[in-house]
């Protein structure tokens, strides 16, 4: 999650998923809150764009968004 400071709205937050093989951003969500929902939606969108029968590995910073119950489910 990247914090972006704006003059009008204060901070907004960018959650993005990068395909490390192609180095392309395959999904992103911009939000005004630090809720887990947009992060999960970004992951769901990325999985749809890169379908695979094999397990997918996601590397994170192990922050609270990536260790909460909703993320693990």
PDB file of N, CA and C in Angstrom:
ATOM      1  N   UNK A   1       0.857  -1.175   0.000  1.00  0.00           N
ATOM      2  CA  UNK A   1       0.000   0.000   0.000  1.00  0.00           C
ATOM      3  C   UNK A   1       0.898   1.230   0.000  1.00  0.00           C
ATOM      4  N   UNK A   2       0.612   2.109  -0.922  1.00  0.00           N
ATOM      5  CA  UNK A   2       1.360   3.354  -1.017  1.00  0.00           C
ATOM      6  C   UNK A   2       0.474   4.499  -0.554  1.00  0.00           C
ATOM      7  N   UNK A   3       1.004   5.332   0.323  1.00  0.00           N
ATOM      8  CA  UNK A   3       0.289   6.510   0.815  1.00  0.00           C
ATOM      9  C   UNK A   3       0.610   7.666  -0.122  1.00  0.00           C
ATOM     10  N   UNK A   4      -0.429   8.358  -0.585  1.00  0.00           N
ATOM     11  CA  UNK A   4      -0.248   9.491  -1.490  1.00  0.00           C
ATOM     12  C   UNK A   4      -0.908  10.708  -0.859  1.00  0.00           C
ATOM     13  N   UNK A   5      -0.124  11.752  -0.599  1.00  0.00           N
ATOM     14  CA  UNK A   5      -0.668  12.964  -0.003  1.00  0.00           C
ATOM     15  C   UNK A   5      -1.199  13.880  -1.092  1.00  0.00           C
ATOM     16  N   UNK A   6      -2.425  14.373  -0.902  1.00  0.00           N
ATOM     17  CA  UNK A   6      -3.023  15.322  -1.830  1.00  0.00           C
ATOM     18  C   UNK A   6      -3.372  16.600  -1.071  1.00  0.00           C
ATOM     19  N   UNK A   7      -3.390  17.695  -1.772  1.00  0.00           N
ATOM     20  CA  UNK A   7      -3.711  18.970  -1.119  1.00  0.00           C
ATOM     21  C   UNK A   7      -5.176  19.057  -0.718  1.00  0.00           C
ATOM     22  N   UNK A   8      -6.063  18.495  -1.521  1.00  0.00           N
ATOM     23  CA  UNK A   8      -7.498  18.621  -1.262  1.00  0.00           C
ATOM     24  C   UNK A   8      -8.049  17.569  -0.313  1.00  0.00           C
ATOM     25  N   UNK A   9      -7.638  16.321  -0.472  1.00  0.00           N
ATOM     26  CA  UNK A   9      -8.244  15.228   0.281  1.00  0.00           C
ATOM     27  C   UNK A   9      -7.354  14.635   1.365  1.00  0.00           C
ATOM     28  N   UNK A  10      -6.203  15.202   1.609  1.00  0.00           N
ATOM     29  CA  UNK A  10      -5.286  14.579   2.567  1.00  0.00           C
ATOM     30  C   UNK A  10      -4.669  13.340   1.939  1.00  0.00           C
ATOM     31  N   UNK A  11      -4.601  12.245   2.682  1.00  0.00           N
ATOM     32  CA  UNK A  11      -4.006  11.034   2.147  1.00  0.00           C
ATOM     33  C   UNK A  11      -5.028  10.186   1.404  1.00  0.00           C
ATOM     34  N   UNK A  12      -4.584   9.594   0.304  1.00  0.00           N
ATOM     35  CA  UNK A  12      -5.303   8.528  -0.372  1.00  0.00           C
ATOM     36  C   UNK A  12      -4.335   7.353  -0.446  1.00  0.00           C
ATOM     37  N   UNK A  13      -4.865   6.175  -0.697  1.00  0.00           N
ATOM     38  CA  UNK A  13      -4.059   4.969  -0.582  1.00  0.00           C
ATOM     39  C   UNK A  13      -4.164   4.136  -1.868  1.00  0.00           C
ATOM     40  N   UNK A  14      -3.027   3.664  -2.338  1.00  0.00           N
ATOM     41  CA  UNK A  14      -2.952   2.876  -3.563  1.00  0.00           C
ATOM     42  C   UNK A  14      -2.498   1.467  -3.223  1.00  0.00           C
ATOM     43  N   UNK A  15      -3.343   0.498  -3.551  1.00  0.00           N
ATOM     44  CA  UNK A  15      -2.985  -0.913  -3.391  1.00  0.00           C
ATOM     45  C   UNK A  15      -2.836  -1.490  -4.789  1.00  0.00           C
ATOM     46  N   UNK A  16      -1.661  -1.992  -5.108  1.00  0.00           N
ATOM     47  CA  UNK A  16      -1.451  -2.532  -6.448  1.00  0.00           C
ATOM     48  C   UNK A  16      -0.787  -3.902  -6.385  1.00  0.00           C
ATOM     49  N   UNK A  17      -1.033  -4.684  -7.423  1.00  0.00           N
ATOM     50  CA  UNK A  17      -0.460  -6.018  -7.562  1.00  0.00           C
ATOM     51  C   UNK A  17       0.403  -6.015  -8.813  1.00  0.00           C
ATOM     52  N   UNK A  18       1.664  -6.391  -8.637  1.00  0.00           N
ATOM     53  CA  UNK A  18       2.599  -6.443  -9.763  1.00  0.00           C
ATOM     54  C   UNK A  18       2.929  -7.902 -10.090  1.00  0.00           C
ATOM     55  N   UNK A  19       2.871  -8.235 -11.368  1.00  0.00           N
ATOM     56  CA  UNK A  19       3.344  -9.529 -11.838  1.00  0.00           C
ATOM     57  C   UNK A  19       4.868  -9.419 -11.911  1.00  0.00           C
ATOM     58  N   UNK A  20       5.567 -10.138 -11.049  1.00  0.00           N
ATOM     59  CA  UNK A  20       7.021  -9.982 -10.979  1.00  0.00           C
ATOM     60  C   UNK A  20       7.737 -10.555 -12.202  1.00  0.00           C
ATOM     61  N   UNK A  21       7.080 -11.448 -12.942  1.00  0.00           N
ATOM     62  CA  UNK A  21       7.705 -11.971 -14.153  1.00  0.00           C
ATOM     63  C   UNK A  21       7.736 -10.901 -15.249  1.00  0.00           C
ATOM     64  N   UNK A  22       6.580 -10.270 -15.492  1.00  0.00           N
ATOM     65  CA  UNK A  22       6.495  -9.254 -16.549  1.00  0.00           C
ATOM     66  C   UNK A  22       6.811  -7.852 -16.038  1.00  0.00           C
ATOM     67  N   UNK A  23       6.817  -7.684 -14.699  1.00  0.00           N
ATOM     68  CA  UNK A  23       7.037  -6.379 -14.055  1.00  0.00           C
ATOM     69  C   UNK A  23       5.922  -5.385 -14.400  1.00  0.00           C
ATOM     70  N   UNK A  24       4.750  -5.885 -14.681  1.00  0.00           N
ATOM     71  CA  UNK A  24       3.591  -5.034 -14.992  1.00  0.00           C
ATOM     72  C   UNK A  24       2.616  -5.023 -13.826  1.00  0.00           C
ATOM     73  N   UNK A  25       1.993  -3.872 -13.635  1.00  0.00           N
ATOM     74  CA  UNK A  25       0.913  -3.770 -12.647  1.00  0.00           C
ATOM     75  C   UNK A  25      -0.318  -4.402 -13.289  1.00  0.00           C
ATOM     76  N   UNK A  26      -0.836  -5.447 -12.673  1.00  0.00           N
ATOM     77  CA  UNK A  26      -1.983  -6.144 -13.257  1.00  0.00           C
ATOM     78  C   UNK A  26      -3.291  -5.805 -12.553  1.00  0.00           C
ATOM     79  N   UNK A  27      -3.194  -5.141 -11.405  1.00  0.00           N
ATOM     80  CA  UNK A  27      -4.395  -4.722 -10.693  1.00  0.00           C
ATOM     81  C   UNK A  27      -4.038  -3.604  -9.723  1.00  0.00           C
ATOM     82  N   UNK A  28      -4.980  -2.683  -9.524  1.00  0.00           N
ATOM     83  CA  UNK A  28      -4.777  -1.626  -8.539  1.00  0.00           C
ATOM     84  C   UNK A  28      -6.107  -1.056  -8.107  1.00  0.00           C
ATOM     85  N   UNK A  29      -6.121  -0.561  -6.892  1.00  0.00           N
ATOM     86  CA  UNK A  29      -7.293   0.110  -6.318  1.00  0.00           C
ATOM     87  C   UNK A  29      -6.808   1.349  -5.589  1.00  0.00           C
ATOM     88  N   UNK A  30      -7.519   2.430  -5.769  1.00  0.00           N
ATOM     89  CA  UNK A  30      -7.241   3.696  -5.102  1.00  0.00           C
ATOM     90  C   UNK A  30      -8.399   3.961  -4.147  1.00  0.00           C
ATOM     91  N   UNK A  31      -8.097   4.277  -2.888  1.00  0.00           N
ATOM     92  CA  UNK A  31      -9.144   4.435  -1.891  1.00  0.00           C
ATOM     93  C   UNK A  31      -8.793   5.549  -0.905  1.00  0.00           C
ATOM     94  N   UNK A  32      -9.807   6.061  -0.234  1.00  0.00           N
ATOM     95  CA  UNK A  32      -9.599   7.106   0.772  1.00  0.00           C
ATOM     96  C   UNK A  32      -9.457   6.533   2.178  1.00  0.00           C
ATOM     97  N   UNK A  33      -9.654   5.226   2.324  1.00  0.00           N
ATOM     98  CA  UNK A  33      -9.542   4.593   3.634  1.00  0.00           C
ATOM     99  C   UNK A  33      -8.533   3.451   3.582  1.00  0.00           C
ATOM    100  N   UNK A  34      -8.106   3.005   4.736  1.00  0.00           N
ATOM    101  CA  UNK A  34      -7.169   1.884   4.819  1.00  0.00           C
ATOM    102  C   UNK A  34      -7.884   0.563   5.107  1.00  0.00           C
ATOM    103  N   UNK A  35      -9.118   0.443   4.648  1.00  0.00           N
ATOM    104  CA  UNK A  35      -9.867  -0.798   4.830  1.00  0.00           C
ATOM    105  C   UNK A  35      -9.219  -1.933   4.039  1.00  0.00           C
ATOM    106  N   UNK A  36      -9.467  -3.146   4.480  1.00  0.00           N
ATOM    107  CA  UNK A  36      -8.930  -4.333   3.804  1.00  0.00           C
ATOM    108  C   UNK A  36      -9.674  -4.626   2.506  1.00  0.00           C
ATOM    109  N   UNK A  37     -10.923  -4.196   2.380  1.00  0.00           N
ATOM    110  CA  UNK A  37     -11.752  -4.490   1.208  1.00  0.00           C
ATOM    111  C   UNK A  37     -11.102  -4.177  -0.128  1.00  0.00           C
ATOM    112  N   UNK A  38     -10.599  -2.952  -0.349  1.00  0.00           N
ATOM    113  CA  UNK A  38      -9.970  -2.642  -1.637  1.00  0.00           C
ATOM    114  C   UNK A  38      -8.741  -3.510  -1.939  1.00  0.00           C
ATOM    115  N   UNK A  39      -8.022  -3.910  -0.911  1.00  0.00           N
ATOM    116  CA  UNK A  39      -6.861  -4.772  -1.122  1.00  0.00           C
ATOM    117  C   UNK A  39      -7.320  -6.147  -1.611  1.00  0.00           C
ATOM    118  N   UNK A  40      -8.351  -6.676  -0.987  1.00  0.00           N
ATOM    119  CA  UNK A  40      -8.874  -7.970  -1.411  1.00  0.00           C
ATOM    120  C   UNK A  40      -9.440  -7.901  -2.827  1.00  0.00           C
ATOM    121  N   UNK A  41     -10.100  -6.804  -3.162  1.00  0.00           N
ATOM    122  CA  UNK A  41     -10.636  -6.636  -4.519  1.00  0.00           C
ATOM    123  C   UNK A  41      -9.509  -6.565  -5.538  1.00  0.00           C
ATOM    124  N   UNK A  42      -8.423  -5.934  -5.178  1.00  0.00           N
ATOM    125  CA  UNK A  42      -7.271  -5.851  -6.073  1.00  0.00           C
ATOM    126  C   UNK A  42      -6.689  -7.239  -6.337  1.00  0.00           C
ATOM    127  N   UNK A  43      -6.617  -8.065  -5.302  1.00  0.00           N
ATOM    128  CA  UNK A  43      -6.114  -9.427  -5.463  1.00  0.00           C
ATOM    129  C   UNK A  43      -7.059 -10.262  -6.322  1.00  0.00           C
ATOM    130  N   UNK A  44      -8.359 -10.142  -6.091  1.00  0.00           N
ATOM    131  CA  UNK A  44      -9.341 -10.875  -6.894  1.00  0.00           C
ATOM    132  C   UNK A  44      -9.231 -10.489  -8.366  1.00  0.00           C
ATOM    133  N   UNK A  45      -9.104  -9.199  -8.634  1.00  0.00           N
ATOM    134  CA  UNK A  45      -8.965  -8.711 -10.011  1.00  0.00           C
ATOM    135  C   UNK A  45      -7.689  -9.259 -10.656  1.00  0.00           C
ATOM    136  N   UNK A  46      -6.600  -9.285  -9.907  1.00  0.00           N
ATOM    137  CA  UNK A  46      -5.336  -9.809 -10.424  1.00  0.00           C
ATOM    138  C   UNK A  46      -5.458 -11.293 -10.768  1.00  0.00           C
ATOM    139  N   UNK A  47      -6.135 -12.058  -9.937  1.00  0.00           N
ATOM    140  CA  UNK A  47      -6.313 -13.486 -10.200  1.00  0.00           C
ATOM    141  C   UNK A  47      -7.140 -13.710 -11.465  1.00  0.00           C
ATOM    142  N   UNK A  48      -8.129 -12.852 -11.713  1.00  0.00           N
ATOM    143  CA  UNK A  48      -8.932 -12.975 -12.934  1.00  0.00           C
ATOM    144  C   UNK A  48      -8.107 -12.645 -14.177  1.00  0.00           C
ATOM    145  N   UNK A  49      -7.195 -11.695 -14.050  1.00  0.00           N
ATOM    146  CA  UNK A  49      -6.373 -11.285 -15.190  1.00  0.00           C
ATOM    147  C   UNK A  49      -5.229 -12.259 -15.472  1.00  0.00           C
ATOM    148  N   UNK A  50      -4.825 -13.014 -14.477  1.00  0.00           N
ATOM    149  CA  UNK A  50      -3.748 -13.999 -14.623  1.00  0.00           C
ATOM    150  C   UNK A  50      -4.222 -15.353 -14.107  1.00  0.00           C
ATOM    151  N   UNK A  51      -5.212 -15.976 -14.802  1.00  0.00           N
ATOM    152  CA  UNK A  51      -5.721 -17.255 -14.308  1.00  0.00           C
ATOM    153  C   UNK A  51      -4.630 -18.333 -14.360  1.00  0.00           C
ATOM    154  N   UNK A  52      -4.639 -19.203 -13.377  1.00  0.00           N
ATOM    155  CA  UNK A  52      -3.643 -20.266 -13.300  1.00  0.00           C
ATOM    156  C   UNK A  52      -4.199 -21.425 -12.501  1.00  0.00           C
ATOM    157  N   UNK A  53      -3.869 -22.625 -12.925  1.00  0.00           N
ATOM    158  CA  UNK A  53      -4.249 -23.815 -12.174  1.00  0.00           C
ATOM    159  C   UNK A  53      -3.287 -24.053 -11.010  1.00  0.00           C
ATOM    160  N   UNK A  54      -2.111 -23.473 -11.113  1.00  0.00           N
ATOM    161  CA  UNK A  54      -1.092 -23.610 -10.079  1.00  0.00           C
ATOM    162  C   UNK A  54      -1.358 -22.617  -8.946  1.00  0.00           C
ATOM    163  N   UNK A  55      -0.904 -22.926  -7.744  1.00  0.00           N
ATOM    164  CA  UNK A  55      -1.034 -21.959  -6.637  1.00  0.00           C
ATOM    165  C   UNK A  55      -0.301 -20.659  -6.976  1.00  0.00           C
ATOM    166  N   UNK A  56      -0.853 -19.566  -6.502  1.00  0.00           N
ATOM    167  CA  UNK A  56      -0.266 -18.251  -6.755  1.00  0.00           C
ATOM    168  C   UNK A  56       0.404 -17.754  -5.482  1.00  0.00           C
ATOM    169  N   UNK A  57       1.599 -17.223  -5.619  1.00  0.00           N
ATOM    170  CA  UNK A  57       2.325 -16.689  -4.474  1.00  0.00           C
ATOM    171  C   UNK A  57       2.213 -15.167  -4.476  1.00  0.00           C
ATOM    172  N   UNK A  58       1.876 -14.628  -3.323  1.00  0.00           N
ATOM    173  CA  UNK A  58       1.799 -13.178  -3.177  1.00  0.00           C
ATOM    174  C   UNK A  58       2.811 -12.769  -2.118  1.00  0.00           C
ATOM    175  N   UNK A  59       3.716 -11.891  -2.482  1.00  0.00           N
ATOM    176  CA  UNK A  59       4.719 -11.392  -1.546  1.00  0.00           C
ATOM    177  C   UNK A  59       4.240 -10.056  -0.997  1.00  0.00           C
ATOM    178  N   UNK A  60       4.162  -9.937   0.325  1.00  0.00           N
ATOM    179  CA  UNK A  60       3.688  -8.706   0.963  1.00  0.00           C
ATOM    180  C   UNK A  60       4.669  -8.285   2.048  1.00  0.00           C
ATOM    181  N   UNK A  61       4.381  -7.146   2.644  1.00  0.00           N
ATOM    182  CA  UNK A  61       5.207  -6.668   3.753  1.00  0.00           C
ATOM    183  C   UNK A  61       4.720  -7.208   5.097  1.00  0.00           C
ATOM    184  N   UNK A  62       3.722  -8.102   5.075  1.00  0.00           N
ATOM    185  CA  UNK A  62       3.145  -8.699   6.276  1.00  0.00           C
ATOM    186  C   UNK A  62       2.522  -7.661   7.205  1.00  0.00           C
ATOM    187  N   UNK A  63       2.049  -6.567   6.603  1.00  0.00           N
ATOM    188  CA  UNK A  63       1.342  -5.551   7.376  1.00  0.00           C
ATOM    189  C   UNK A  63      -0.016  -6.073   7.814  1.00  0.00           C
ATOM    190  N   UNK A  64      -0.712  -5.287   8.582  1.00  0.00           N
ATOM    191  CA  UNK A  64      -1.986  -5.717   9.170  1.00  0.00           C
ATOM    192  C   UNK A  64      -3.014  -6.138   8.109  1.00  0.00           C
ATOM    193  N   UNK A  65      -2.991  -5.519   6.948  1.00  0.00           N
ATOM    194  CA  UNK A  65      -3.940  -5.868   5.888  1.00  0.00           C
ATOM    195  C   UNK A  65      -3.697  -7.267   5.354  1.00  0.00           C
ATOM    196  N   UNK A  66      -2.471  -7.730   5.436  1.00  0.00           N
ATOM    197  CA  UNK A  66      -2.094  -9.026   4.868  1.00  0.00           C
ATOM    198  C   UNK A  66      -1.984 -10.120   5.926  1.00  0.00           C
ATOM    199  N   UNK A  67      -2.374  -9.828   7.143  1.00  0.00           N
ATOM    200  CA  UNK A  67      -2.363 -10.835   8.196  1.00  0.00           C
ATOM    201  C   UNK A  67      -3.723 -10.955   8.872  1.00  0.00           C
ATOM    202  N   UNK A  68      -4.687 -10.138   8.467  1.00  0.00           N
ATOM    203  CA  UNK A  68      -6.007 -10.169   9.098  1.00  0.00           C
ATOM    204  C   UNK A  68      -6.785 -11.411   8.656  1.00  0.00           C
ATOM    205  N   UNK A  69      -7.853 -11.716   9.375  1.00  0.00           N
ATOM    206  CA  UNK A  69      -8.667 -12.898   9.085  1.00  0.00           C
ATOM    207  C   UNK A  69      -9.275 -12.855   7.686  1.00  0.00           C
ATOM    208  N   UNK A  70      -9.766 -11.693   7.255  1.00  0.00           N
ATOM    209  CA  UNK A  70     -10.365 -11.598   5.918  1.00  0.00           C
ATOM    210  C   UNK A  70      -9.363 -11.965   4.814  1.00  0.00           C
ATOM    211  N   UNK A  71      -8.142 -11.525   4.941  1.00  0.00           N
ATOM    212  CA  UNK A  71      -7.111 -11.840   3.949  1.00  0.00           C
ATOM    213  C   UNK A  71      -6.792 -13.324   3.933  1.00  0.00           C
ATOM    214  N   UNK A  72      -6.662 -13.917   5.094  1.00  0.00           N
ATOM    215  CA  UNK A  72      -6.330 -15.344   5.169  1.00  0.00           C
ATOM    216  C   UNK A  72      -7.429 -16.224   4.622  1.00  0.00           C
ATOM    217  N   UNK A  73      -8.679 -15.803   4.742  1.00  0.00           N
ATOM    218  CA  UNK A  73      -9.801 -16.581   4.196  1.00  0.00           C
ATOM    219  C   UNK A  73      -9.780 -16.530   2.700  1.00  0.00           C
TER     220      UNK A  73
END
